[in-house]
């Protein structure tokens, strides 16, 4: 199994393990991301077309931070979705970064050269210096703890996650 295929499988296994539906099947060539898409609140990926395994984490982040009762509406729920709303880019990216850390993967798996509209390098730098956009939103939904909240409870702060899926 090629390295990228093994990595994609490792990520898919993690996602299934936390309760996200993941299927391997053909993904149309005109999909927004090569080889991966959100369908009916789950991830569908095509190992033959998946360009960047880290895209699985980002798309899973959209699903994980969307309220459970609304996940089945994805991907249409994301159409025209404000960037900082639940399920939006900021929280999805923070969730994906925490998953990357949890899996022991380098940030470059998530913040790859083909992603984030040319801002991958800047995002990788931001997270590497301990600035975590979206982590406060994750904390507001009880997924993680930040700052004083973590210190008071004696638990590790973000990127450590208390749980992976929003209620």
Protein backbone atom coordinates (compact mmCIF):
# COMPACT_ATOMS: atom_id res chain seq x y z
CA UNK A 1 0.00 0.00 0.00
CA UNK A 2 1.49 3.40 -0.97
CA UNK A 3 2.30 5.80 1.87
CA UNK A 4 -0.56 8.17 1.01
CA UNK A 5 -3.01 5.25 0.82
CA UNK A 6 -1.84 3.96 4.19
CA UNK A 7 -2.17 7.44 5.69
CA UNK A 8 -5.66 7.87 4.22
CA UNK A 9 -6.65 4.51 5.69
CA UNK A 10 -5.23 5.46 9.10
CA UNK A 11 -7.21 8.71 9.06
CA UNK A 12 -10.38 6.95 7.87
CA UNK A 13 -10.02 4.37 10.66
CA UNK A 14 -9.70 7.17 13.23
CA UNK A 15 -12.80 8.91 11.86
CA UNK A 16 -14.82 5.71 11.95
CA UNK A 17 -13.55 5.07 15.48
CA UNK A 18 -14.98 8.36 16.74
CA UNK A 19 -18.32 7.68 15.10
CA UNK A 20 -18.16 9.49 11.76
CA UNK A 21 -19.45 7.59 8.75
CA UNK A 22 -16.70 7.03 6.17
CA UNK A 23 -17.14 5.19 2.86
CA UNK A 24 -14.69 4.38 0.12
CA UNK A 25 -16.23 4.78 -3.33
CA UNK A 26 -15.84 6.71 -6.54
CA UNK A 27 -15.91 10.49 -6.18
CA UNK A 28 -16.69 12.56 -9.28
CA UNK A 29 -13.79 14.35 -10.92
CA UNK A 30 -15.50 17.71 -10.45
CA UNK A 31 -15.70 17.38 -6.65
CA UNK A 32 -14.62 20.50 -4.73
CA UNK A 33 -11.66 18.57 -3.30
CA UNK A 34 -9.95 15.84 -5.33
CA UNK A 35 -11.16 12.43 -4.19
CA UNK A 36 -13.18 13.46 -1.13
CA UNK A 37 -16.59 14.90 -0.41
CA UNK A 38 -19.19 15.19 2.30
CA UNK A 39 -22.42 13.35 1.58
CA UNK A 40 -25.37 13.03 3.94
CA UNK A 41 -23.28 13.99 6.93
CA UNK A 42 -20.51 11.50 6.21
CA UNK A 43 -17.21 11.33 4.34
CA UNK A 44 -16.90 9.63 0.97
CA UNK A 45 -13.42 9.24 -0.42
CA UNK A 46 -11.91 7.69 -3.49
CA UNK A 47 -8.45 6.30 -2.69
CA UNK A 48 -7.53 6.45 -6.37
CA UNK A 49 -8.35 10.18 -6.61
CA UNK A 50 -7.54 11.45 -3.12
CA UNK A 51 -4.83 14.05 -3.65
CA UNK A 52 -4.22 14.99 -0.01
CA UNK A 53 -5.12 12.65 2.89
CA UNK A 54 -5.29 15.66 5.23
CA UNK A 55 -8.40 16.79 3.37
CA UNK A 56 -10.22 13.91 5.07
CA UNK A 57 -9.50 15.55 8.43
CA UNK A 58 -10.67 18.98 7.34
CA UNK A 59 -13.92 17.71 5.85
CA UNK A 60 -14.50 15.56 8.94
CA UNK A 61 -14.01 18.71 11.00
CA UNK A 62 -17.01 20.29 9.28
CA UNK A 63 -19.13 17.28 10.20
CA UNK A 64 -17.84 16.95 13.77
CA UNK A 65 -18.50 20.56 14.75
CA UNK A 66 -21.95 20.72 13.18
CA UNK A 67 -24.76 20.03 15.66
CA UNK A 68 -25.57 16.30 15.58
CA UNK A 69 -29.20 16.91 14.63
CA UNK A 70 -28.12 18.82 11.52
CA UNK A 71 -25.24 16.65 10.25
CA UNK A 72 -27.49 14.80 7.83
CA UNK A 73 -27.99 18.15 6.04
CA UNK A 74 -24.30 18.31 5.09
CA UNK A 75 -22.92 19.33 2.64
CA UNK A 76 -25.84 21.62 1.69
CA UNK A 77 -25.77 23.15 5.17
CA UNK A 78 -22.31 24.54 4.35
CA UNK A 79 -23.44 26.35 1.20
CA UNK A 80 -23.12 30.06 1.92
CA UNK A 81 -22.25 29.22 5.54
CA UNK A 82 -20.58 32.11 7.39
CA UNK A 83 -16.89 31.35 7.87
CA UNK A 84 -17.04 31.54 11.68
CA UNK A 85 -20.38 29.74 12.16
CA UNK A 86 -20.59 26.22 13.61
CA UNK A 87 -19.38 23.83 10.96
CA UNK A 88 -17.56 26.70 9.24
CA UNK A 89 -13.93 26.93 8.25
CA UNK A 90 -12.43 28.22 11.48
CA UNK A 91 -13.79 25.52 13.78
CA UNK A 92 -13.34 22.79 11.15
CA UNK A 93 -9.68 23.75 10.77
CA UNK A 94 -9.13 23.81 14.53
CA UNK A 95 -10.79 20.41 14.85
CA UNK A 96 -8.69 18.99 12.01
CA UNK A 97 -5.49 20.33 13.56
CA UNK A 98 -6.36 18.71 16.91
CA UNK A 99 -7.00 15.42 15.11
CA UNK A 100 -3.65 15.74 13.32
CA UNK A 101 -1.89 16.25 16.67
CA UNK A 102 -3.83 13.37 18.24
CA UNK A 103 -2.73 11.07 15.42
CA UNK A 104 0.90 12.22 15.74
CA UNK A 105 0.96 13.56 12.19
CA UNK A 106 3.00 16.53 11.05
CA UNK A 107 1.00 19.70 10.44
CA UNK A 108 2.02 19.49 6.78
CA UNK A 109 -0.46 16.62 6.34
CA UNK A 110 -3.28 19.06 7.06
CA UNK A 111 -1.69 22.28 5.84
CA UNK A 112 -0.45 20.88 2.53
CA UNK A 113 0.69 22.85 -0.50
CA UNK A 114 -2.61 22.35 -2.32
CA UNK A 115 -4.91 23.60 0.41
CA UNK A 116 -6.38 26.58 2.16
CA UNK A 117 -6.30 28.82 -0.91
CA UNK A 118 -2.54 29.32 -0.71
CA UNK A 119 -2.57 30.05 3.04
CA UNK A 120 -1.33 26.66 4.26
CA UNK A 121 2.12 27.90 5.19
CA UNK A 122 0.70 30.82 7.16
CA UNK A 123 -1.79 28.57 8.96
CA UNK A 124 0.92 26.06 9.82
CA UNK A 125 3.01 28.90 11.28
CA UNK A 126 0.04 30.27 13.24
CA UNK A 127 -0.73 26.92 14.84
CA UNK A 128 2.97 26.14 15.44
CA UNK A 129 3.39 29.25 17.59
CA UNK A 130 0.37 28.37 19.71
CA UNK A 131 -2.22 30.65 18.17
CA UNK A 132 -5.27 28.47 17.62
CA UNK A 133 -8.08 30.12 15.64
CA UNK A 134 -11.33 28.28 16.23
CA UNK A 135 -10.32 26.65 19.51
CA UNK A 136 -12.60 28.94 21.53
CA UNK A 137 -15.54 27.77 19.43
CA UNK A 138 -14.61 24.15 20.06
CA UNK A 139 -14.40 24.91 23.80
CA UNK A 140 -17.80 26.62 23.74
CA UNK A 141 -19.28 23.33 22.51
CA UNK A 142 -17.51 21.30 25.22
CA UNK A 143 -15.08 19.61 22.84
CA UNK A 144 -11.91 21.00 24.40
CA UNK A 145 -10.64 23.39 27.05
CA UNK A 146 -8.64 26.56 26.55
CA UNK A 147 -6.56 28.82 28.78
CA UNK A 148 -7.73 29.32 32.35
CA UNK A 149 -10.57 26.86 31.85
CA UNK A 150 -8.04 24.05 31.32
CA UNK A 151 -5.80 25.17 34.20
CA UNK A 152 -8.76 25.32 36.62
CA UNK A 153 -9.79 21.77 35.74
CA UNK A 154 -6.23 20.46 35.72
CA UNK A 155 -6.66 19.10 32.21
CA UNK A 156 -4.58 19.64 29.10
CA UNK A 157 -5.72 22.50 26.89
CA UNK A 158 -6.42 22.47 23.17
CA UNK A 159 -5.23 20.77 20.97
CA UNK A 160 -6.17 18.03 23.43
CA UNK A 161 -9.84 17.15 22.86
CA UNK A 162 -12.28 16.06 25.56
CA UNK A 163 -14.55 14.59 22.89
CA UNK A 164 -14.59 14.65 19.13
CA UNK A 165 -18.22 15.18 18.15
CA UNK A 166 -20.57 18.01 18.97
CA UNK A 167 -23.91 17.03 20.48
